C-alpha atoms as a PDB file:
ATOM      1  CA  MET A   1      51.228 108.222  96.748  1.00  0.00           C
ATOM      2  CA  LYS A   2      52.260 108.093 100.353  1.00  0.00           C
ATOM      3  CA  ALA A   3      51.983 104.282 100.532  1.00  0.00           C
ATOM      4  CA  PHE A   4      54.168 103.819  97.434  1.00  0.00           C
ATOM      5  CA  ARG A   5      56.759 106.243  98.721  1.00  0.00           C
ATOM      6  CA  GLU A   6      56.931 104.564 102.138  1.00  0.00           C
ATOM      7  CA  LEU A   7      57.336 101.083 100.660  1.00  0.00           C
ATOM      8  CA  VAL A   8      60.056 102.131  98.227  1.00  0.00           C
ATOM      9  CA  GLU A   9      61.981 104.163 100.809  1.00  0.00           C
ATOM     10  CA  SER A  10      61.865 101.203 103.207  1.00  0.00           C
ATOM     11  CA  GLY A  11      63.242  98.949 100.454  1.00  0.00           C
ATOM     12  CA  ASP A  12      60.087  96.813 100.332  1.00  0.00           C
ATOM     13  CA  PHE A  13      59.803  96.729  96.535  1.00  0.00           C
ATOM     14  CA  ALA A  14      57.941  93.388  96.633  1.00  0.00           C
ATOM     15  CA  ALA A  15      55.044  94.963  98.553  1.00  0.00           C
ATOM     16  CA  VAL A  16      54.619  97.607  95.842  1.00  0.00           C
ATOM     17  CA  ASP A  17      52.833  94.864  93.862  1.00  0.00           C
ATOM     18  CA  SER A  18      49.736  95.475  95.981  1.00  0.00           C
ATOM     19  CA  LEU A  19      49.573  99.075  94.707  1.00  0.00           C
ATOM     20  CA  LEU A  20      49.663  98.146  90.986  1.00  0.00           C
ATOM     21  CA  ALA A  21      46.590  97.828  88.744  1.00  0.00           C
ATOM     22  CA  ASP A  22      46.402  94.584  86.754  1.00  0.00           C
ATOM     23  CA  ASP A  23      46.893  96.549  83.507  1.00  0.00           C
ATOM     24  CA  VAL A  24      49.609  98.900  84.751  1.00  0.00           C
ATOM     25  CA  VAL A  25      51.944 100.373  82.115  1.00  0.00           C
ATOM     26  CA  PHE A  26      55.594 101.055  82.957  1.00  0.00           C
ATOM     27  CA  ARG A  27      57.691 103.398  80.812  1.00  0.00           C
ATOM     28  CA  SER A  28      61.382 102.898  81.444  1.00  0.00           C
ATOM     29  CA  PRO A  29      63.978 105.636  81.084  1.00  0.00           C
ATOM     30  CA  VAL A  30      66.195 103.243  79.138  1.00  0.00           C
ATOM     31  CA  ALA A  31      63.755 101.224  76.993  1.00  0.00           C
ATOM     32  CA  PHE A  32      61.540 102.549  74.193  1.00  0.00           C
ATOM     33  CA  LYS A  33      58.718 100.007  74.454  1.00  0.00           C
ATOM     34  CA  PRO A  34      56.559 100.213  77.585  1.00  0.00           C
ATOM     35  CA  TYR A  35      56.138  97.175  79.825  1.00  0.00           C
ATOM     36  CA  GLU A  36      52.579  96.117  80.644  1.00  0.00           C
ATOM     37  CA  GLY A  37      50.915  94.123  83.377  1.00  0.00           C
ATOM     38  CA  ARG A  38      51.286  93.751  87.117  1.00  0.00           C
ATOM     39  CA  ALA A  39      53.546  90.684  86.987  1.00  0.00           C
ATOM     40  CA  MET A  40      56.127  92.313  84.696  1.00  0.00           C
ATOM     41  CA  VAL A  41      56.068  95.741  86.364  1.00  0.00           C
ATOM     42  CA  SER A  42      56.343  94.216  89.814  1.00  0.00           C
ATOM     43  CA  ALA A  43      59.352  92.130  88.674  1.00  0.00           C
ATOM     44  CA  ILE A  44      60.997  95.228  87.186  1.00  0.00           C
ATOM     45  CA  LEU A  45      60.493  97.148  90.425  1.00  0.00           C
ATOM     46  CA  ARG A  46      62.070  94.299  92.431  1.00  0.00           C
ATOM     47  CA  GLY A  47      65.004  94.468  90.018  1.00  0.00           C
ATOM     48  CA  VAL A  48      65.264  98.229  90.595  1.00  0.00           C
ATOM     49  CA  GLY A  49      65.372  97.487  94.319  1.00  0.00           C
ATOM     50  CA  ARG A  50      68.399  95.269  93.729  1.00  0.00           C
ATOM     51  CA  VAL A  51      70.367  97.919  91.769  1.00  0.00           C
ATOM     52  CA  PHE A  52      69.486 101.158  93.631  1.00  0.00           C
ATOM     53  CA  THR A  53      71.520 102.118  96.685  1.00  0.00           C
ATOM     54  CA  ASP A  54      70.473 104.756  99.242  1.00  0.00           C
ATOM     55  CA  LEU A  55      67.238 105.664  97.460  1.00  0.00           C
ATOM     56  CA  ARG A  56      65.482 108.704  98.903  1.00  0.00           C
ATOM     57  CA  TYR A  57      62.655 110.841  97.717  1.00  0.00           C
ATOM     58  CA  VAL A  58      63.410 114.569  98.023  1.00  0.00           C
ATOM     59  CA  ARG A  59      60.191 116.123  96.735  1.00  0.00           C
ATOM     60  CA  GLU A  60      56.625 115.172  95.871  1.00  0.00           C
ATOM     61  CA  LEU A  61      54.183 117.002  93.637  1.00  0.00           C
ATOM     62  CA  GLU A  62      50.485 116.157  93.264  1.00  0.00           C
ATOM     63  CA  ASP A  63      48.126 116.739  90.332  1.00  0.00           C
ATOM     64  CA  ALA A  64      45.120 118.915  91.004  1.00  0.00           C
ATOM     65  CA  ASP A  65      42.814 115.944  90.237  1.00  0.00           C
ATOM     66  CA  GLY A  66      44.459 113.813  92.904  1.00  0.00           C
ATOM     67  CA  HIS A  67      45.260 110.966  90.494  1.00  0.00           C
ATOM     68  CA  GLY A  68      48.817 111.889  89.598  1.00  0.00           C
ATOM     69  CA  SER A  69      52.073 112.326  91.449  1.00  0.00           C
ATOM     70  CA  ALA A  70      55.641 113.249  90.590  1.00  0.00           C
ATOM     71  CA  LEU A  71      58.141 111.853  93.091  1.00  0.00           C
ATOM     72  CA  ILE A  72      61.635 113.289  92.729  1.00  0.00           C
ATOM     73  CA  PHE A  73      64.339 110.951  93.971  1.00  0.00           C
ATOM     74  CA  GLU A  74      68.089 110.540  94.351  1.00  0.00           C
ATOM     75  CA  THR A  75      69.963 107.257  94.449  1.00  0.00           C
ATOM     76  CA  ILE A  76      73.208 105.560  93.446  1.00  0.00           C
ATOM     77  CA  VAL A  77      73.626 102.901  90.769  1.00  0.00           C
ATOM     78  CA  ASP A  78      77.017 101.165  90.570  1.00  0.00           C
ATOM     79  CA  GLY A  79      78.705 104.127  92.260  1.00  0.00           C
ATOM     80  CA  VAL A  80      77.081 106.736  89.970  1.00  0.00           C
ATOM     81  CA  SER A  81      74.782 109.382  91.501  1.00  0.00           C
ATOM     82  CA  LEU A  82      71.411 109.485  89.827  1.00  0.00           C
ATOM     83  CA  GLN A  83      68.548 111.948  90.002  1.00  0.00           C
ATOM     84  CA  GLY A  84      65.130 110.912  88.764  1.00  0.00           C
ATOM     85  CA  ILE A  85      61.400 111.404  88.714  1.00  0.00           C
ATOM     86  CA  ASP A  86      58.696 108.769  89.145  1.00  0.00           C
ATOM     87  CA  LEU A  87      55.506 109.932  87.420  1.00  0.00           C
ATOM     88  CA  LEU A  88      52.573 107.977  88.755  1.00  0.00           C
ATOM     89  CA  ARG A  89      48.934 107.936  87.642  1.00  0.00           C
ATOM     90  CA  THR A  90      46.243 106.176  89.648  1.00  0.00           C
ATOM     91  CA  ASP A  91      42.714 104.926  89.023  1.00  0.00           C
ATOM     92  CA  ALA A  92      39.598 105.563  91.103  1.00  0.00           C
ATOM     93  CA  ASP A  93      40.655 102.757  93.471  1.00  0.00           C
ATOM     94  CA  GLY A  94      44.052 104.351  94.071  1.00  0.00           C
ATOM     95  CA  LEU A  95      45.983 101.677  92.124  1.00  0.00           C
ATOM     96  CA  ILE A  96      48.862 102.728  89.908  1.00  0.00           C
ATOM     97  CA  THR A  97      47.868 102.502  86.234  1.00  0.00           C
ATOM     98  CA  GLU A  98      50.773 104.402  84.676  1.00  0.00           C
ATOM     99  CA  PHE A  99      54.372 104.569  85.895  1.00  0.00           C
ATOM    100  CA  THR A 100      56.927 106.600  84.000  1.00  0.00           C
ATOM    101  CA  VAL A 101      60.527 107.085  85.138  1.00  0.00           C
ATOM    102  CA  MET A 102      62.949 109.724  83.949  1.00  0.00           C
ATOM    103  CA  VAL A 103      66.603 109.947  85.061  1.00  0.00           C
ATOM    104  CA  ARG A 104      69.625 112.164  84.679  1.00  0.00           C
ATOM    105  CA  PRO A 105      72.527 112.620  83.964  1.00  0.00           C
ATOM    106  CA  LEU A 106      73.402 110.489  80.945  1.00  0.00           C
ATOM    107  CA  SER A 107      76.173 108.691  82.869  1.00  0.00           C
ATOM    108  CA  ALA A 108      73.574 107.606  85.440  1.00  0.00           C
ATOM    109  CA  ALA A 109      71.100 106.531  82.742  1.00  0.00           C
ATOM    110  CA  ASN A 110      73.876 104.412  81.182  1.00  0.00           C
ATOM    111  CA  ALA A 111      74.726 102.872  84.552  1.00  0.00           C
ATOM    112  CA  LEU A 112      71.068 102.113  85.157  1.00  0.00           C
ATOM    113  CA  ALA A 113      70.662 100.557  81.718  1.00  0.00           C
ATOM    114  CA  ALA A 114      73.644  98.263  82.289  1.00  0.00           C
ATOM    115  CA  ALA A 115      72.565  97.302  85.804  1.00  0.00           C
ATOM    116  CA  MET A 116      68.999  96.548  84.709  1.00  0.00           C
ATOM    117  CA  ALA A 117      70.176  94.612  81.651  1.00  0.00           C
ATOM    118  CA  ALA A 118      72.076  92.342  84.020  1.00  0.00           C
ATOM    119  CA  GLN A 119      68.889  91.911  86.065  1.00  0.00           C
ATOM    120  CA  PHE A 120      66.630  91.182  83.118  1.00  0.00           C
ATOM    121  CA  PRO A 121      66.939  87.367  82.968  1.00  0.00           C
ATOM    122  CA  GLN A 122      65.822  87.213  86.610  1.00  0.00           C
ATOM    123  CA  ILE A 123      63.091  89.807  85.954  1.00  0.00           C
ATOM    124  CA  GLN A 124      61.694  87.707  83.124  1.00  0.00           C
ATOM    125  CA  GLN A 125      61.723  84.548  85.288  1.00  0.00           C
ATOM    126  CA  GLU A 126      59.938  86.358  88.125  1.00  0.00           C
ATOM    127  CA  ALA A 127      57.301  87.841  85.778  1.00  0.00           C
ATOM    128  CA  ALA A 128      56.547  84.370  84.331  1.00  0.00           C
ATOM    129  CA  ARG A 129      55.666  82.888  87.762  1.00  0.00           C
END
């Protein structure tokens, strides 16, 4: 997922929308229910772009079938250092169909949950457009 990685590392979270399948499913590290659809997932990723500071990917792993990637990242949320993994699955056209995020430690997950909760009214407005 070179294109995804380059867009995110450059801070162009809005452009990630072009890499998402219409029926993409996003599994959040802080919400039980997955979010579905390009509009919602794109809005969530723009929200992430507003709360992450100094995001950098430190390692990338590819599935043998070429349709899955694990991108290991480090960032800061509200002054708390966070380590995480983006698990991406793509379709035959190379569009992201599944996006799962895991983060650690618990203090970082809590900081992320609070920061994203503050973003959620704007995320919902953006997704409705």
